[in-house]
C-alpha cells in the first residue's frame, strides 16, 4: 500500500513558506496534526477555499491569519489581531470535536520574525503543540504580487508523486499534473 494512504503529507516550514519532502518517490507522511494546523494557518488567504464545499459550515477553513499577516506591517496592534485571526482559523478543531481548547500565542523575538505557538488540548491533555517561526518581513522583501508575476520558466517547483501522476506546484501556486 502506498504511503499516500497512511496519513497526511507532512508539510515542513521553511523561511519562505512550506514544502514537502519526497524520499524514494514517496512523500514523507505526518501521522499527527501538524499538517492540518499548518494548512489552517498558512494554506489559504481567503474565505473562498476550494475544499470548503466538502465541509459543513462549522468546519470550513477561512484563512484569516495568513492574509492579514501578508497585508499588514508588524505592530503591537497587528500582532494582537493576528493572534485573534489564528484562533479563528483553528476554530474548526473545536467545532469538529478534535480538541476542546485551542491556545495561540504570538511573540516577536526580532524585527522581522514572529513565533506563533499553537497548542491543542482535549480534556486538559495536550494533543499538539508547536511553535512556528514566521518571517513577517518575507512579504516586505519579496511581495506575493512579485512572485505571482514570475514567468513559469522562472518559477521554483515542489513536486508530489502519486501512484498515477506527478503533481508540480509552482512558486506562484500554479498546479500542474502529469499523468
C-alpha atoms as a PDB file:
ATOM      1  CA  UNK A   1       0.000   0.000   0.000  1.00  0.00           C
ATOM      2  CA  UNK A   2       1.236   3.479  -0.845  1.00  0.00           C
ATOM      3  CA  UNK A   3       2.216   5.799   1.979  1.00  0.00           C
ATOM      4  CA  UNK A   4      -0.275   8.273   0.490  1.00  0.00           C
ATOM      5  CA  UNK A   5      -2.992   6.255   2.199  1.00  0.00           C
ATOM      6  CA  UNK A   6      -1.320   6.185   5.633  1.00  0.00           C
ATOM      7  CA  UNK A   7      -1.981   9.773   6.737  1.00  0.00           C
ATOM      8  CA  UNK A   8      -1.371  13.345   5.671  1.00  0.00           C
ATOM      9  CA  UNK A   9       1.560  14.524   3.615  1.00  0.00           C
ATOM     10  CA  UNK A  10       3.987  16.200   6.025  1.00  0.00           C
ATOM     11  CA  UNK A  11       4.458  19.891   5.353  1.00  0.00           C
ATOM     12  CA  UNK A  12       7.684  21.401   6.625  1.00  0.00           C
ATOM     13  CA  UNK A  13       8.131  25.048   7.385  1.00  0.00           C
ATOM     14  CA  UNK A  14      10.888  26.937   5.551  1.00  0.00           C
ATOM     15  CA  UNK A  15      11.676  30.667   5.564  1.00  0.00           C
ATOM     16  CA  UNK A  16       9.535  31.359   2.506  1.00  0.00           C
ATOM     17  CA  UNK A  17       6.609  29.100   3.404  1.00  0.00           C
ATOM     18  CA  UNK A  18       6.073  25.369   3.453  1.00  0.00           C
ATOM     19  CA  UNK A  19       7.383  22.460   1.448  1.00  0.00           C
ATOM     20  CA  UNK A  20       7.192  18.679   1.330  1.00  0.00           C
ATOM     21  CA  UNK A  21       9.957  16.101   1.240  1.00  0.00           C
ATOM     22  CA  UNK A  22       9.933  13.149  -1.141  1.00  0.00           C
ATOM     23  CA  UNK A  23      12.074  10.129  -0.314  1.00  0.00           C
ATOM     24  CA  UNK A  24      12.343   7.203  -2.734  1.00  0.00           C
ATOM     25  CA  UNK A  25       9.425   8.553  -4.755  1.00  0.00           C
ATOM     26  CA  UNK A  26       7.076   8.788  -1.758  1.00  0.00           C
ATOM     27  CA  UNK A  27       6.190  11.931   0.189  1.00  0.00           C
ATOM     28  CA  UNK A  28       7.036  11.926   3.879  1.00  0.00           C
ATOM     29  CA  UNK A  29       3.862  11.462   5.917  1.00  0.00           C
ATOM     30  CA  UNK A  30       2.534  13.165   9.038  1.00  0.00           C
ATOM     31  CA  UNK A  31       0.576  10.881  11.311  1.00  0.00           C
ATOM     32  CA  UNK A  32      -0.398  13.714  13.649  1.00  0.00           C
ATOM     33  CA  UNK A  33      -1.927  17.151  13.453  1.00  0.00           C
ATOM     34  CA  UNK A  34       0.986  19.311  12.271  1.00  0.00           C
ATOM     35  CA  UNK A  35      -0.012  19.452   8.595  1.00  0.00           C
ATOM     36  CA  UNK A  36      -3.634  20.229   9.484  1.00  0.00           C
ATOM     37  CA  UNK A  37      -2.558  23.075  11.776  1.00  0.00           C
ATOM     38  CA  UNK A  38      -0.042  24.350   9.222  1.00  0.00           C
ATOM     39  CA  UNK A  39      -2.575  24.375   6.370  1.00  0.00           C
ATOM     40  CA  UNK A  40      -5.195  26.006   8.572  1.00  0.00           C
ATOM     41  CA  UNK A  41      -2.853  28.899   9.326  1.00  0.00           C
ATOM     42  CA  UNK A  42      -0.757  29.209   6.184  1.00  0.00           C
ATOM     43  CA  UNK A  43      -2.565  27.269   3.473  1.00  0.00           C
ATOM     44  CA  UNK A  44      -5.001  29.813   2.141  1.00  0.00           C
ATOM     45  CA  UNK A  45      -5.560  33.512   2.357  1.00  0.00           C
ATOM     46  CA  UNK A  46      -9.243  33.843   1.620  1.00  0.00           C
ATOM     47  CA  UNK A  47     -12.545  32.523   2.854  1.00  0.00           C
ATOM     48  CA  UNK A  48     -13.060  31.108  -0.652  1.00  0.00           C
ATOM     49  CA  UNK A  49     -11.011  27.945  -0.050  1.00  0.00           C
ATOM     50  CA  UNK A  50     -11.791  25.361  -2.745  1.00  0.00           C
ATOM     51  CA  UNK A  51     -12.159  22.399  -0.351  1.00  0.00           C
ATOM     52  CA  UNK A  52     -14.815  24.142   1.759  1.00  0.00           C
ATOM     53  CA  UNK A  53     -17.517  22.687  -0.481  1.00  0.00           C
ATOM     54  CA  UNK A  54     -16.811  19.332   1.217  1.00  0.00           C
ATOM     55  CA  UNK A  55     -17.151  20.636   4.795  1.00  0.00           C
ATOM     56  CA  UNK A  56     -20.118  21.540   6.939  1.00  0.00           C
ATOM     57  CA  UNK A  57     -20.462  25.239   7.745  1.00  0.00           C
ATOM     58  CA  UNK A  58     -18.729  24.964  11.140  1.00  0.00           C
ATOM     59  CA  UNK A  59     -15.788  23.000   9.640  1.00  0.00           C
ATOM     60  CA  UNK A  60     -14.977  25.366   6.757  1.00  0.00           C
ATOM     61  CA  UNK A  61     -11.475  26.768   6.623  1.00  0.00           C
ATOM     62  CA  UNK A  62     -11.273  30.529   6.469  1.00  0.00           C
ATOM     63  CA  UNK A  63      -7.657  31.656   6.117  1.00  0.00           C
ATOM     64  CA  UNK A  64      -7.778  34.947   8.005  1.00  0.00           C
ATOM     65  CA  UNK A  65      -4.313  34.742   9.625  1.00  0.00           C
ATOM     66  CA  UNK A  66      -2.046  34.468   6.588  1.00  0.00           C
ATOM     67  CA  UNK A  67      -3.946  37.030   4.532  1.00  0.00           C
ATOM     68  CA  UNK A  68      -3.848  39.516   7.390  1.00  0.00           C
ATOM     69  CA  UNK A  69      -0.174  38.906   8.113  1.00  0.00           C
ATOM     70  CA  UNK A  70       0.860  39.353   4.485  1.00  0.00           C
ATOM     71  CA  UNK A  71      -1.130  42.545   4.081  1.00  0.00           C
ATOM     72  CA  UNK A  72      -0.110  44.450   7.214  1.00  0.00           C
ATOM     73  CA  UNK A  73       3.029  45.850   8.829  1.00  0.00           C
ATOM     74  CA  UNK A  74       4.155  44.300  12.097  1.00  0.00           C
ATOM     75  CA  UNK A  75       2.972  46.424  15.034  1.00  0.00           C
ATOM     76  CA  UNK A  76       1.702  45.606  18.508  1.00  0.00           C
ATOM     77  CA  UNK A  77      -1.857  46.097  17.303  1.00  0.00           C
ATOM     78  CA  UNK A  78      -1.420  43.847  14.258  1.00  0.00           C
ATOM     79  CA  UNK A  79       0.243  41.142  16.364  1.00  0.00           C
ATOM     80  CA  UNK A  80      -2.791  41.132  18.658  1.00  0.00           C
ATOM     81  CA  UNK A  81      -5.134  40.981  15.667  1.00  0.00           C
ATOM     82  CA  UNK A  82      -3.033  38.236  14.053  1.00  0.00           C
ATOM     83  CA  UNK A  83      -3.395  36.165  17.215  1.00  0.00           C
ATOM     84  CA  UNK A  84      -7.194  36.511  17.020  1.00  0.00           C
ATOM     85  CA  UNK A  85      -7.213  35.559  13.327  1.00  0.00           C
ATOM     86  CA  UNK A  86      -5.052  32.496  14.045  1.00  0.00           C
ATOM     87  CA  UNK A  87      -7.589  31.415  16.677  1.00  0.00           C
ATOM     88  CA  UNK A  88     -10.396  31.819  14.136  1.00  0.00           C
ATOM     89  CA  UNK A  89      -8.513  29.725  11.585  1.00  0.00           C
ATOM     90  CA  UNK A  90      -8.031  26.938  14.135  1.00  0.00           C
ATOM     91  CA  UNK A  91     -11.613  27.049  15.453  1.00  0.00           C
ATOM     92  CA  UNK A  92     -12.577  24.080  13.273  1.00  0.00           C
ATOM     93  CA  UNK A  93     -10.529  21.800  15.552  1.00  0.00           C
ATOM     94  CA  UNK A  94     -13.021  22.624  18.320  1.00  0.00           C
ATOM     95  CA  UNK A  95     -16.087  22.611  16.056  1.00  0.00           C
ATOM     96  CA  UNK A  96     -15.251  19.132  14.748  1.00  0.00           C
ATOM     97  CA  UNK A  97     -14.503  17.730  18.238  1.00  0.00           C
ATOM     98  CA  UNK A  98     -10.788  17.109  17.674  1.00  0.00           C
ATOM     99  CA  UNK A  99      -9.878  19.494  20.500  1.00  0.00           C
ATOM    100  CA  UNK A 100     -11.818  21.328  23.179  1.00  0.00           C
ATOM    101  CA  UNK A 101      -9.217  24.095  23.654  1.00  0.00           C
ATOM    102  CA  UNK A 102      -7.021  25.949  21.188  1.00  0.00           C
ATOM    103  CA  UNK A 103      -4.386  28.323  22.563  1.00  0.00           C
ATOM    104  CA  UNK A 104      -2.394  30.690  20.359  1.00  0.00           C
ATOM    105  CA  UNK A 105       0.437  32.951  21.472  1.00  0.00           C
ATOM    106  CA  UNK A 106       2.457  35.271  19.270  1.00  0.00           C
ATOM    107  CA  UNK A 107       5.787  36.702  20.376  1.00  0.00           C
ATOM    108  CA  UNK A 108       8.200  38.862  18.421  1.00  0.00           C
ATOM    109  CA  UNK A 109      11.814  37.832  19.074  1.00  0.00           C
ATOM    110  CA  UNK A 110      13.167  40.012  16.245  1.00  0.00           C
ATOM    111  CA  UNK A 111      12.147  42.803  13.920  1.00  0.00           C
ATOM    112  CA  UNK A 112      11.152  40.560  11.019  1.00  0.00           C
ATOM    113  CA  UNK A 113      10.176  37.353  12.790  1.00  0.00           C
ATOM    114  CA  UNK A 114       7.296  36.214  14.940  1.00  0.00           C
ATOM    115  CA  UNK A 115       6.955  32.984  16.864  1.00  0.00           C
ATOM    116  CA  UNK A 116       3.438  31.583  16.653  1.00  0.00           C
ATOM    117  CA  UNK A 117       2.858  28.931  19.314  1.00  0.00           C
ATOM    118  CA  UNK A 118      -0.201  26.719  18.912  1.00  0.00           C
ATOM    119  CA  UNK A 119      -1.466  24.244  21.480  1.00  0.00           C
ATOM    120  CA  UNK A 120      -4.464  21.959  21.006  1.00  0.00           C
ATOM    121  CA  UNK A 121      -5.917  20.235  24.072  1.00  0.00           C
ATOM    122  CA  UNK A 122      -8.689  17.806  24.834  1.00  0.00           C
ATOM    123  CA  UNK A 123      -9.793  17.092  28.399  1.00  0.00           C
ATOM    124  CA  UNK A 124      -6.763  19.064  29.606  1.00  0.00           C
ATOM    125  CA  UNK A 125      -4.269  16.853  27.755  1.00  0.00           C
ATOM    126  CA  UNK A 126      -2.083  18.366  25.050  1.00  0.00           C
ATOM    127  CA  UNK A 127      -2.750  16.804  21.633  1.00  0.00           C
ATOM    128  CA  UNK A 128      -0.441  19.090  19.702  1.00  0.00           C
ATOM    129  CA  UNK A 129       1.995  21.871  20.492  1.00  0.00           C
ATOM    130  CA  UNK A 130       4.362  23.597  18.100  1.00  0.00           C
ATOM    131  CA  UNK A 131       5.991  26.967  17.602  1.00  0.00           C
ATOM    132  CA  UNK A 132       6.062  28.161  14.001  1.00  0.00           C
ATOM    133  CA  UNK A 133       8.775  30.714  13.266  1.00  0.00           C
ATOM    134  CA  UNK A 134       7.264  33.109  10.752  1.00  0.00           C
ATOM    135  CA  UNK A 135       9.330  35.550   8.733  1.00  0.00           C
ATOM    136  CA  UNK A 136       6.971  38.544   8.755  1.00  0.00           C
ATOM    137  CA  UNK A 137       9.491  40.504   6.680  1.00  0.00           C
ATOM    138  CA  UNK A 138       9.362  37.979   3.819  1.00  0.00           C
ATOM    139  CA  UNK A 139       6.302  39.721   2.413  1.00  0.00           C
ATOM    140  CA  UNK A 140       8.086  43.073   2.574  1.00  0.00           C
ATOM    141  CA  UNK A 141      11.269  41.766   0.921  1.00  0.00           C
ATOM    142  CA  UNK A 142       9.580  39.518  -1.674  1.00  0.00           C
ATOM    143  CA  UNK A 143       5.935  40.572  -2.113  1.00  0.00           C
ATOM    144  CA  UNK A 144       3.432  37.947  -3.216  1.00  0.00           C
ATOM    145  CA  UNK A 145       2.440  40.002  -6.273  1.00  0.00           C
ATOM    146  CA  UNK A 146       6.062  39.863  -7.487  1.00  0.00           C
ATOM    147  CA  UNK A 147       6.197  36.089  -7.013  1.00  0.00           C
ATOM    148  CA  UNK A 148       2.874  35.667  -8.814  1.00  0.00           C
ATOM    149  CA  UNK A 149       4.168  37.719 -11.756  1.00  0.00           C
ATOM    150  CA  UNK A 150       7.140  35.393 -12.330  1.00  0.00           C
ATOM    151  CA  UNK A 151       7.058  33.712 -15.736  1.00  0.00           C
ATOM    152  CA  UNK A 152       6.642  29.954 -15.459  1.00  0.00           C
ATOM    153  CA  UNK A 153      10.216  29.441 -16.648  1.00  0.00           C
ATOM    154  CA  UNK A 154      11.500  31.340 -13.591  1.00  0.00           C
ATOM    155  CA  UNK A 155       9.347  29.585 -11.024  1.00  0.00           C
ATOM    156  CA  UNK A 156      10.650  27.143  -8.473  1.00  0.00           C
ATOM    157  CA  UNK A 157       8.616  23.953  -8.232  1.00  0.00           C
ATOM    158  CA  UNK A 158       7.823  21.488  -5.485  1.00  0.00           C
ATOM    159  CA  UNK A 159       6.509  18.153  -6.645  1.00  0.00           C
ATOM    160  CA  UNK A 160       4.366  15.303  -5.413  1.00  0.00           C
ATOM    161  CA  UNK A 161       4.428  11.799  -6.873  1.00  0.00           C
ATOM    162  CA  UNK A 162       1.305   9.658  -6.556  1.00  0.00           C
ATOM    163  CA  UNK A 163       0.601   6.193  -7.965  1.00  0.00           C
ATOM    164  CA  UNK A 164      -0.952   7.753 -11.080  1.00  0.00           C
ATOM    165  CA  UNK A 165       0.606  11.145 -11.685  1.00  0.00           C
ATOM    166  CA  UNK A 166       3.235  13.743 -10.952  1.00  0.00           C
ATOM    167  CA  UNK A 167       1.938  16.999  -9.447  1.00  0.00           C
ATOM    168  CA  UNK A 168       4.067  20.129  -9.760  1.00  0.00           C
ATOM    169  CA  UNK A 169       3.311  23.108  -7.520  1.00  0.00           C
ATOM    170  CA  UNK A 170       4.873  26.337  -8.757  1.00  0.00           C
ATOM    171  CA  UNK A 171       6.214  29.102  -6.539  1.00  0.00           C
ATOM    172  CA  UNK A 172       3.304  31.272  -7.654  1.00  0.00           C
ATOM    173  CA  UNK A 173       0.862  28.488  -6.617  1.00  0.00           C
ATOM    174  CA  UNK A 174       0.227  27.194 -10.143  1.00  0.00           C
ATOM    175  CA  UNK A 175      -0.509  23.467 -10.069  1.00  0.00           C
ATOM    176  CA  UNK A 176       0.317  21.175 -12.990  1.00  0.00           C
ATOM    177  CA  UNK A 177      -0.355  17.446 -13.232  1.00  0.00           C
ATOM    178  CA  UNK A 178       1.436  14.945 -15.458  1.00  0.00           C
ATOM    179  CA  UNK A 179      -0.146  11.519 -15.986  1.00  0.00           C
END
